[in-house]
């Protein structure tokens, strides 16, 4: 009898492994399509907001989701090596104009940021179908507290960005303008 139960468990493990491989395959295929991934995540966030509005509840779930998303945002906006916490000789952000250029490396990469947000939205959405998570609470206090927490956290993060002069966003490829002068497309040798 134990052999039958063992083979059923092995079959379930095999199916779970196959599902994991397929899921990872499609996750890898979605990596270069950042805009479409974010559009899907915003659609999922809208679906969650509509669900929470429709049932008029789950404010604790929404508050927990908001705190988690704020934590992810801080990780996304923070450098991998924080100059305040680790003043080592390793890769650091330049603090003077004469310092060597070192690219901004995030503590939480964009893909992991997106994946964590999407996973959190899916979990929160599923939680709205179970009444055990609908704890009665006076929601305006939670909203005000979250807004204050967001404002204070962003103020601290923006002051950190200004102090160490880094911008955590890449907006297209940087374009350099060449010499302006009378060469009009000719090489410097005069060819």
C-alpha atoms as a PDB file:
ATOM      1  CA  UNK A   1       0.000   0.000   0.000  1.00  0.00           C
ATOM      2  CA  UNK A   2       2.808   2.399   0.801  1.00  0.00           C
ATOM      3  CA  UNK A   3       4.140   1.987  -2.737  1.00  0.00           C
ATOM      4  CA  UNK A   4       0.867   3.329  -4.155  1.00  0.00           C
ATOM      5  CA  UNK A   5       1.023   6.422  -1.901  1.00  0.00           C
ATOM      6  CA  UNK A   6       4.688   6.915  -2.713  1.00  0.00           C
ATOM      7  CA  UNK A   7       4.045   6.752  -6.455  1.00  0.00           C
ATOM      8  CA  UNK A   8       1.200   9.273  -6.130  1.00  0.00           C
ATOM      9  CA  UNK A   9       3.498  11.646  -4.252  1.00  0.00           C
ATOM     10  CA  UNK A  10       6.212  11.149  -6.868  1.00  0.00           C
ATOM     11  CA  UNK A  11       3.696  11.874  -9.637  1.00  0.00           C
ATOM     12  CA  UNK A  12       2.581  15.058  -7.871  1.00  0.00           C
ATOM     13  CA  UNK A  13       6.205  16.128  -7.432  1.00  0.00           C
ATOM     14  CA  UNK A  14       6.802  15.468 -11.136  1.00  0.00           C
ATOM     15  CA  UNK A  15       3.746  17.562 -12.108  1.00  0.00           C
ATOM     16  CA  UNK A  16       4.813  20.369  -9.782  1.00  0.00           C
ATOM     17  CA  UNK A  17       8.300  20.285 -11.305  1.00  0.00           C
ATOM     18  CA  UNK A  18       6.851  20.428 -14.833  1.00  0.00           C
ATOM     19  CA  UNK A  19       4.583  23.334 -13.891  1.00  0.00           C
ATOM     20  CA  UNK A  20       7.567  25.116 -12.326  1.00  0.00           C
ATOM     21  CA  UNK A  21       9.598  24.694 -15.516  1.00  0.00           C
ATOM     22  CA  UNK A  22       6.768  25.997 -17.705  1.00  0.00           C
ATOM     23  CA  UNK A  23       6.156  28.942 -15.375  1.00  0.00           C
ATOM     24  CA  UNK A  24       9.872  29.816 -15.343  1.00  0.00           C
ATOM     25  CA  UNK A  25       9.989  29.542 -19.144  1.00  0.00           C
ATOM     26  CA  UNK A  26       7.200  32.099 -19.586  1.00  0.00           C
ATOM     27  CA  UNK A  27       8.635  34.304 -16.848  1.00  0.00           C
ATOM     28  CA  UNK A  28      11.967  34.335 -18.692  1.00  0.00           C
ATOM     29  CA  UNK A  29      10.211  35.110 -21.985  1.00  0.00           C
ATOM     30  CA  UNK A  30       8.519  38.133 -20.346  1.00  0.00           C
ATOM     31  CA  UNK A  31      11.788  39.652 -19.110  1.00  0.00           C
ATOM     32  CA  UNK A  32      12.545  41.934 -22.086  1.00  0.00           C
ATOM     33  CA  UNK A  33       8.949  43.181 -22.333  1.00  0.00           C
ATOM     34  CA  UNK A  34       8.955  45.591 -19.386  1.00  0.00           C
ATOM     35  CA  UNK A  35       6.196  47.873 -20.640  1.00  0.00           C
ATOM     36  CA  UNK A  36       3.767  45.002 -21.208  1.00  0.00           C
ATOM     37  CA  UNK A  37       4.610  43.474 -17.838  1.00  0.00           C
ATOM     38  CA  UNK A  38       3.871  46.778 -16.076  1.00  0.00           C
ATOM     39  CA  UNK A  39       0.643  47.276 -18.043  1.00  0.00           C
ATOM     40  CA  UNK A  40      -0.491  43.849 -16.875  1.00  0.00           C
ATOM     41  CA  UNK A  41       0.453  44.661 -13.292  1.00  0.00           C
ATOM     42  CA  UNK A  42      -1.468  47.956 -13.407  1.00  0.00           C
ATOM     43  CA  UNK A  43      -4.471  46.070 -14.802  1.00  0.00           C
ATOM     44  CA  UNK A  44      -4.174  43.612 -11.906  1.00  0.00           C
ATOM     45  CA  UNK A  45      -3.915  46.514  -9.424  1.00  0.00           C
ATOM     46  CA  UNK A  46      -7.037  48.054 -10.961  1.00  0.00           C
ATOM     47  CA  UNK A  47      -8.835  44.735 -10.671  1.00  0.00           C
ATOM     48  CA  UNK A  48      -7.828  44.509  -7.001  1.00  0.00           C
ATOM     49  CA  UNK A  49      -8.978  48.095  -6.353  1.00  0.00           C
ATOM     50  CA  UNK A  50     -12.322  47.386  -8.016  1.00  0.00           C
ATOM     51  CA  UNK A  51     -12.731  44.212  -5.963  1.00  0.00           C
ATOM     52  CA  UNK A  52     -11.923  46.018  -2.690  1.00  0.00           C
ATOM     53  CA  UNK A  53     -14.289  48.859  -3.626  1.00  0.00           C
ATOM     54  CA  UNK A  54     -17.057  46.462  -4.655  1.00  0.00           C
ATOM     55  CA  UNK A  55     -16.999  44.479  -1.396  1.00  0.00           C
ATOM     56  CA  UNK A  56     -16.413  47.625   0.725  1.00  0.00           C
ATOM     57  CA  UNK A  57     -13.918  45.888   2.972  1.00  0.00           C
ATOM     58  CA  UNK A  58     -10.536  44.241   3.340  1.00  0.00           C
ATOM     59  CA  UNK A  59      -8.941  47.480   4.513  1.00  0.00           C
ATOM     60  CA  UNK A  60      -6.315  45.653   6.584  1.00  0.00           C
ATOM     61  CA  UNK A  61      -5.326  43.625   3.521  1.00  0.00           C
ATOM     62  CA  UNK A  62      -5.072  46.818   1.466  1.00  0.00           C
ATOM     63  CA  UNK A  63      -3.062  48.539   4.193  1.00  0.00           C
ATOM     64  CA  UNK A  64      -0.665  45.585   4.451  1.00  0.00           C
ATOM     65  CA  UNK A  65      -0.330  45.562   0.667  1.00  0.00           C
ATOM     66  CA  UNK A  66       0.418  49.301   0.696  1.00  0.00           C
ATOM     67  CA  UNK A  67       3.119  48.927   3.359  1.00  0.00           C
ATOM     68  CA  UNK A  68       4.707  46.041   1.462  1.00  0.00           C
ATOM     69  CA  UNK A  69       4.670  47.994  -1.815  1.00  0.00           C
ATOM     70  CA  UNK A  70       6.246  50.975  -0.046  1.00  0.00           C
ATOM     71  CA  UNK A  71       9.001  48.710   1.252  1.00  0.00           C
ATOM     72  CA  UNK A  72       9.601  47.390  -2.282  1.00  0.00           C
ATOM     73  CA  UNK A  73       9.704  50.933  -3.653  1.00  0.00           C
ATOM     74  CA  UNK A  74      12.394  51.897  -1.153  1.00  0.00           C
ATOM     75  CA  UNK A  75      14.448  48.875  -2.206  1.00  0.00           C
ATOM     76  CA  UNK A  76      13.978  49.819  -5.854  1.00  0.00           C
ATOM     77  CA  UNK A  77      15.074  53.428  -5.308  1.00  0.00           C
ATOM     78  CA  UNK A  78      18.042  52.591  -3.065  1.00  0.00           C
ATOM     79  CA  UNK A  79      21.577  51.880  -4.275  1.00  0.00           C
ATOM     80  CA  UNK A  80      23.064  48.433  -3.798  1.00  0.00           C
ATOM     81  CA  UNK A  81      25.871  49.845  -1.666  1.00  0.00           C
ATOM     82  CA  UNK A  82      24.637  52.634   0.583  1.00  0.00           C
ATOM     83  CA  UNK A  83      27.450  55.158   1.220  1.00  0.00           C
ATOM     84  CA  UNK A  84      26.024  55.981   4.668  1.00  0.00           C
ATOM     85  CA  UNK A  85      26.020  52.383   5.851  1.00  0.00           C
ATOM     86  CA  UNK A  86      29.115  50.967   4.153  1.00  0.00           C
ATOM     87  CA  UNK A  87      31.925  53.506   3.727  1.00  0.00           C
ATOM     88  CA  UNK A  88      34.266  50.898   2.225  1.00  0.00           C
ATOM     89  CA  UNK A  89      36.527  51.104  -0.775  1.00  0.00           C
ATOM     90  CA  UNK A  90      34.086  49.088  -2.880  1.00  0.00           C
ATOM     91  CA  UNK A  91      31.820  50.481  -5.575  1.00  0.00           C
ATOM     92  CA  UNK A  92      30.203  53.650  -4.279  1.00  0.00           C
ATOM     93  CA  UNK A  93      28.265  56.531  -5.711  1.00  0.00           C
ATOM     94  CA  UNK A  94      30.303  59.576  -6.710  1.00  0.00           C
ATOM     95  CA  UNK A  95      29.931  62.487  -4.299  1.00  0.00           C
ATOM     96  CA  UNK A  96      31.963  65.108  -6.199  1.00  0.00           C
ATOM     97  CA  UNK A  97      32.041  66.124  -9.822  1.00  0.00           C
ATOM     98  CA  UNK A  98      35.656  64.993 -10.099  1.00  0.00           C
ATOM     99  CA  UNK A  99      34.874  61.469  -8.855  1.00  0.00           C
ATOM    100  CA  UNK A 100      34.939  58.583 -11.277  1.00  0.00           C
ATOM    101  CA  UNK A 101      31.590  57.707 -12.841  1.00  0.00           C
ATOM    102  CA  UNK A 102      30.055  54.611 -11.297  1.00  0.00           C
ATOM    103  CA  UNK A 103      26.680  53.485 -12.577  1.00  0.00           C
ATOM    104  CA  UNK A 104      23.716  53.300 -10.264  1.00  0.00           C
ATOM    105  CA  UNK A 105      23.012  49.711  -9.260  1.00  0.00           C
ATOM    106  CA  UNK A 106      19.715  49.119  -7.489  1.00  0.00           C
ATOM    107  CA  UNK A 107      19.350  47.088  -4.336  1.00  0.00           C
ATOM    108  CA  UNK A 108      16.205  45.580  -5.885  1.00  0.00           C
ATOM    109  CA  UNK A 109      16.388  45.127  -9.690  1.00  0.00           C
ATOM    110  CA  UNK A 110      13.424  46.144 -11.850  1.00  0.00           C
ATOM    111  CA  UNK A 111      12.368  42.597 -12.744  1.00  0.00           C
ATOM    112  CA  UNK A 112      12.369  41.422  -9.126  1.00  0.00           C
ATOM    113  CA  UNK A 113      10.524  44.626  -8.160  1.00  0.00           C
ATOM    114  CA  UNK A 114       7.847  43.917 -10.767  1.00  0.00           C
ATOM    115  CA  UNK A 115       7.603  40.242  -9.853  1.00  0.00           C
ATOM    116  CA  UNK A 116       7.233  40.959  -6.119  1.00  0.00           C
ATOM    117  CA  UNK A 117       4.531  43.576  -6.759  1.00  0.00           C
ATOM    118  CA  UNK A 118       2.603  41.261  -9.068  1.00  0.00           C
ATOM    119  CA  UNK A 119       2.838  38.365  -6.627  1.00  0.00           C
ATOM    120  CA  UNK A 120       1.676  40.587  -3.741  1.00  0.00           C
ATOM    121  CA  UNK A 121      -1.294  41.845  -5.773  1.00  0.00           C
ATOM    122  CA  UNK A 122      -2.285  38.276  -6.653  1.00  0.00           C
ATOM    123  CA  UNK A 123      -2.095  37.177  -3.021  1.00  0.00           C
ATOM    124  CA  UNK A 124      -4.068  40.220  -1.825  1.00  0.00           C
ATOM    125  CA  UNK A 125      -6.684  39.627  -4.532  1.00  0.00           C
ATOM    126  CA  UNK A 126      -7.139  36.006  -3.458  1.00  0.00           C
ATOM    127  CA  UNK A 127      -7.382  37.107   0.187  1.00  0.00           C
ATOM    128  CA  UNK A 128     -10.428  39.225  -0.678  1.00  0.00           C
ATOM    129  CA  UNK A 129     -12.404  36.027  -1.278  1.00  0.00           C
ATOM    130  CA  UNK A 130     -12.011  34.854   2.338  1.00  0.00           C
ATOM    131  CA  UNK A 131     -14.070  36.653   4.974  1.00  0.00           C
ATOM    132  CA  UNK A 132     -11.566  35.844   7.722  1.00  0.00           C
ATOM    133  CA  UNK A 133      -9.307  38.601   6.331  1.00  0.00           C
ATOM    134  CA  UNK A 134     -12.070  41.216   6.379  1.00  0.00           C
ATOM    135  CA  UNK A 135     -11.331  42.681   9.804  1.00  0.00           C
ATOM    136  CA  UNK A 136     -13.611  45.618  10.665  1.00  0.00           C
ATOM    137  CA  UNK A 137     -11.524  48.761  11.048  1.00  0.00           C
ATOM    138  CA  UNK A 138     -12.002  52.502  10.659  1.00  0.00           C
ATOM    139  CA  UNK A 139     -10.286  52.854   7.282  1.00  0.00           C
ATOM    140  CA  UNK A 140      -9.685  56.657   7.222  1.00  0.00           C
ATOM    141  CA  UNK A 141      -7.156  56.294  10.049  1.00  0.00           C
ATOM    142  CA  UNK A 142      -5.268  53.623   8.100  1.00  0.00           C
ATOM    143  CA  UNK A 143      -5.299  55.784   4.986  1.00  0.00           C
ATOM    144  CA  UNK A 144      -4.012  58.871   6.812  1.00  0.00           C
ATOM    145  CA  UNK A 145      -1.336  56.839   8.574  1.00  0.00           C
ATOM    146  CA  UNK A 146      -0.187  55.314   5.267  1.00  0.00           C
ATOM    147  CA  UNK A 147      -0.064  58.722   3.559  1.00  0.00           C
ATOM    148  CA  UNK A 148       2.020  60.163   6.421  1.00  0.00           C
ATOM    149  CA  UNK A 149       4.319  57.140   6.342  1.00  0.00           C
ATOM    150  CA  UNK A 150       4.690  57.434   2.559  1.00  0.00           C
ATOM    151  CA  UNK A 151       5.441  61.165   2.731  1.00  0.00           C
ATOM    152  CA  UNK A 152       8.066  60.793   5.479  1.00  0.00           C
ATOM    153  CA  UNK A 153       9.724  57.839   3.772  1.00  0.00           C
ATOM    154  CA  UNK A 154       9.871  59.556   0.392  1.00  0.00           C
ATOM    155  CA  UNK A 155      11.215  62.746   1.978  1.00  0.00           C
ATOM    156  CA  UNK A 156      14.043  60.759   3.533  1.00  0.00           C
ATOM    157  CA  UNK A 157      14.714  58.862   0.293  1.00  0.00           C
ATOM    158  CA  UNK A 158      14.726  62.008  -1.842  1.00  0.00           C
ATOM    159  CA  UNK A 159      17.079  63.778   0.562  1.00  0.00           C
ATOM    160  CA  UNK A 160      19.390  60.730   0.358  1.00  0.00           C
ATOM    161  CA  UNK A 161      19.270  60.927  -3.452  1.00  0.00           C
ATOM    162  CA  UNK A 162      20.110  64.630  -3.368  1.00  0.00           C
ATOM    163  CA  UNK A 163      22.905  64.179  -0.828  1.00  0.00           C
ATOM    164  CA  UNK A 164      24.681  61.502  -2.872  1.00  0.00           C
ATOM    165  CA  UNK A 165      23.547  62.852  -6.245  1.00  0.00           C
ATOM    166  CA  UNK A 166      22.093  59.807  -7.899  1.00  0.00           C
ATOM    167  CA  UNK A 167      19.041  59.313 -10.059  1.00  0.00           C
ATOM    168  CA  UNK A 168      17.616  55.794  -9.875  1.00  0.00           C
ATOM    169  CA  UNK A 169      15.878  55.982 -13.260  1.00  0.00           C
ATOM    170  CA  UNK A 170      17.250  55.452 -16.748  1.00  0.00           C
ATOM    171  CA  UNK A 171      15.234  57.448 -19.190  1.00  0.00           C
ATOM    172  CA  UNK A 172      16.456  56.272 -22.563  1.00  0.00           C
ATOM    173  CA  UNK A 173      19.964  56.170 -23.904  1.00  0.00           C
ATOM    174  CA  UNK A 174      22.129  59.147 -23.043  1.00  0.00           C
ATOM    175  CA  UNK A 175      22.991  61.177 -26.133  1.00  0.00           C
ATOM    176  CA  UNK A 176      26.169  63.116 -26.493  1.00  0.00           C
ATOM    177  CA  UNK A 177      26.573  66.061 -28.791  1.00  0.00           C
ATOM    178  CA  UNK A 178      29.841  66.092 -30.656  1.00  0.00           C
ATOM    179  CA  UNK A 179      32.061  69.057 -31.343  1.00  0.00           C
ATOM    180  CA  UNK A 180      30.283  71.971 -32.813  1.00  0.00           C
ATOM    181  CA  UNK A 181      32.236  73.564 -35.519  1.00  0.00           C
ATOM    182  CA  UNK A 182      32.987  73.723 -39.186  1.00  0.00           C
ATOM    183  CA  UNK A 183      33.937  70.093 -39.888  1.00  0.00           C
ATOM    184  CA  UNK A 184      30.464  69.411 -41.397  1.00  0.00           C
ATOM    185  CA  UNK A 185      30.801  65.653 -41.450  1.00  0.00           C
ATOM    186  CA  UNK A 186      34.440  65.461 -42.576  1.00  0.00           C
ATOM    187  CA  UNK A 187      37.007  63.538 -40.574  1.00  0.00           C
ATOM    188  CA  UNK A 188      39.530  65.469 -38.469  1.00  0.00           C
ATOM    189  CA  UNK A 189      42.278  64.543 -40.950  1.00  0.00           C
ATOM    190  CA  UNK A 190      40.479  66.352 -43.736  1.00  0.00           C
ATOM    191  CA  UNK A 191      39.501  63.235 -45.812  1.00  0.00           C
END
